[in-house]
Amino acid sequence: MNIKITPASLAKLEKIFEEAKYVLRFEKGTFNSGYCILEHKRVVVINKFLNLEGRINSLLDILPTIDLDESMLSSESLKLYHQVKESREQLLAEAEAQARGEAAPAETPPAPAKKGRKGAAKNEPSSSADTETNEPQ
């Protein structure tokens, strides 16, 4: 999701948590991910030493993972919430596709071609035009 890294963007994200009755606290701590979620108490703790970008990214990570009552959100907050969720779903789908090996065709062929050029250059010194004709097609 393309969200601008501004204090206004942070305020919009904080507003979503506030409307959903989550307590958002910025405190010091050694969180591996930069934040901690206490689901039953509806508390989200963000590392206070994170910069503006880190705070926004942490809230963007958290937002799709918690259950919010969408009826409690204002129309502006609901729109932003849906954008964040859709963006997260797209990223997950792309990551799954890459994990299955469904990379773009242009990305996979260069690796074998590089190996062929290195081997041809080691075995016989030739021009780049000869190397290209010796490669398997």
Protein backbone atom coordinates (compact mmCIF):
# COMPACT_ATOMS: atom_id res chain seq x y z
CA MET A 1 0.00 0.00 0.00
CA ASN A 2 1.31 3.42 -0.86
CA ILE A 3 0.74 5.48 2.25
CA LYS A 4 2.71 8.65 2.75
CA ILE A 5 5.04 8.72 5.72
CA THR A 6 3.61 11.77 7.44
CA PRO A 7 2.30 12.55 10.91
CA ALA A 8 -1.17 12.92 9.36
CA SER A 9 -1.01 9.33 8.06
CA LEU A 10 0.02 8.12 11.50
CA ALA A 11 -2.90 10.03 13.02
CA LYS A 12 -5.34 8.37 10.57
CA LEU A 13 -4.07 4.91 11.50
CA GLU A 14 -4.24 5.74 15.22
CA LYS A 15 -7.82 6.91 14.72
CA ILE A 16 -8.82 3.50 13.36
CA PHE A 17 -7.53 1.81 16.51
CA GLU A 18 -9.23 4.41 18.70
CA GLU A 19 -12.58 3.96 16.96
CA ALA A 20 -12.25 0.18 17.28
CA LYS A 21 -11.79 0.59 21.06
CA TYR A 22 -8.14 -0.52 21.04
CA VAL A 23 -5.72 1.23 23.36
CA LEU A 24 -2.63 2.25 21.44
CA ARG A 25 0.44 2.83 23.61
CA PHE A 26 3.96 3.87 22.65
CA GLU A 27 6.37 2.49 25.23
CA LYS A 28 9.88 1.17 25.43
CA GLY A 29 10.42 -2.55 25.20
CA THR A 30 12.34 -5.23 23.41
CA PHE A 31 9.78 -6.36 20.87
CA ASN A 32 11.16 -8.48 18.06
CA SER A 33 8.74 -6.98 15.58
CA GLY A 34 8.58 -3.50 17.11
CA TYR A 35 5.17 -4.06 18.65
CA CYS A 36 3.14 -6.28 20.95
CA ILE A 37 -0.58 -7.06 20.83
CA LEU A 38 -2.63 -7.99 23.87
CA GLU A 39 -5.80 -9.26 22.19
CA HIS A 40 -7.96 -9.90 25.26
CA LYS A 41 -7.27 -6.46 26.72
CA ARG A 42 -7.48 -4.77 23.32
CA VAL A 43 -4.10 -3.12 23.81
CA VAL A 44 -1.43 -2.54 21.18
CA VAL A 45 2.02 -1.52 22.38
CA ILE A 46 4.41 0.04 19.86
CA ASN A 47 8.10 0.57 20.56
CA LYS A 48 8.41 4.28 21.31
CA PHE A 49 11.91 4.43 19.86
CA LEU A 50 10.66 3.67 16.34
CA ASN A 51 10.77 6.56 13.92
CA LEU A 52 7.67 7.78 12.09
CA GLU A 53 8.09 5.27 9.25
CA GLY A 54 8.57 2.40 11.72
CA ARG A 55 5.45 3.36 13.65
CA ILE A 56 3.35 3.55 10.48
CA ASN A 57 4.71 0.25 9.17
CA SER A 58 4.02 -1.44 12.52
CA LEU A 59 0.42 -0.22 12.52
CA LEU A 60 0.02 -1.34 8.90
CA ASP A 61 1.30 -4.80 9.91
CA ILE A 62 -1.05 -5.03 12.88
CA LEU A 63 -4.24 -3.68 11.36
CA PRO A 64 -5.13 -6.63 9.08
CA THR A 65 -4.32 -9.19 11.79
CA ILE A 66 -6.75 -8.01 14.46
CA ASP A 67 -10.51 -8.41 14.48
CA LEU A 68 -12.24 -5.07 14.29
CA ASP A 69 -15.94 -4.30 14.44
CA GLU A 70 -16.28 -2.42 11.17
CA SER A 71 -19.58 -0.88 12.27
CA MET A 72 -17.66 1.19 14.83
CA LEU A 73 -15.46 2.84 12.20
CA SER A 74 -16.20 6.12 10.48
CA SER A 75 -16.49 6.07 6.69
CA GLU A 76 -12.99 7.54 6.25
CA SER A 77 -11.45 5.03 8.66
CA LEU A 78 -13.38 2.15 7.10
CA LYS A 79 -12.10 3.08 3.65
CA LEU A 80 -8.48 3.16 4.87
CA TYR A 81 -8.97 -0.10 6.79
CA HIS A 82 -10.21 -1.88 3.64
CA GLN A 83 -7.31 -0.49 1.61
CA VAL A 84 -4.83 -1.83 4.17
CA LYS A 85 -6.50 -5.26 4.21
CA GLU A 86 -6.60 -5.51 0.41
CA SER A 87 -2.96 -4.46 0.17
CA ARG A 88 -1.98 -7.11 2.72
CA GLU A 89 -3.91 -9.80 0.81
CA GLN A 90 -2.15 -8.86 -2.44
CA LEU A 91 1.27 -9.02 -0.78
CA LEU A 92 0.49 -12.44 0.68
CA ALA A 93 -0.71 -13.73 -2.69
CA GLU A 94 2.47 -12.49 -4.38
CA ALA A 95 4.65 -14.08 -1.69
CA GLU A 96 2.84 -17.42 -2.07
CA ALA A 97 3.28 -17.30 -5.85
CA GLN A 98 7.00 -16.68 -5.47
CA ALA A 99 7.29 -19.50 -2.93
CA ARG A 100 5.67 -21.90 -5.42
CA GLY A 101 8.18 -20.84 -8.05
CA GLU A 102 5.77 -18.93 -10.22
CA ALA A 103 8.29 -16.19 -10.91
CA ALA A 104 8.10 -14.11 -14.06
CA PRO A 105 9.64 -15.91 -17.08
CA ALA A 106 12.17 -13.10 -17.66
CA GLU A 107 13.73 -13.72 -14.24
CA THR A 108 14.59 -17.42 -14.60
CA PRO A 109 16.48 -17.74 -17.95
CA PRO A 110 19.44 -15.43 -17.18
CA ALA A 111 20.85 -17.78 -14.52
CA PRO A 112 21.55 -20.71 -16.95
CA ALA A 113 22.83 -18.30 -19.62
CA LYS A 114 25.39 -16.86 -17.20
CA LYS A 115 26.70 -20.34 -16.37
CA GLY A 116 27.10 -21.14 -20.07
CA ARG A 117 29.07 -17.97 -20.72
CA LYS A 118 31.40 -18.58 -17.81
CA GLY A 119 32.05 -22.14 -18.93
CA ALA A 120 32.68 -21.10 -22.53
CA ALA A 121 35.05 -18.36 -21.44
CA LYS A 122 37.05 -20.77 -19.26
CA ASN A 123 37.37 -23.52 -21.86
CA GLU A 124 38.16 -21.46 -24.90
CA PRO A 125 38.81 -17.76 -25.22
CA SER A 126 36.34 -16.51 -27.77
CA SER A 127 34.46 -13.38 -28.65
CA SER A 128 31.06 -12.66 -27.16
CA ALA A 129 29.46 -13.46 -30.52
CA ASP A 130 30.96 -17.00 -30.45
CA THR A 131 29.80 -17.49 -26.86
CA GLU A 132 26.23 -16.64 -27.78
CA THR A 133 26.17 -19.18 -30.61
CA ASN A 134 27.62 -21.95 -28.42
CA GLU A 135 24.92 -21.67 -25.77
CA PRO A 136 22.13 -24.26 -25.76
CA GLN A 137 18.87 -22.79 -26.97
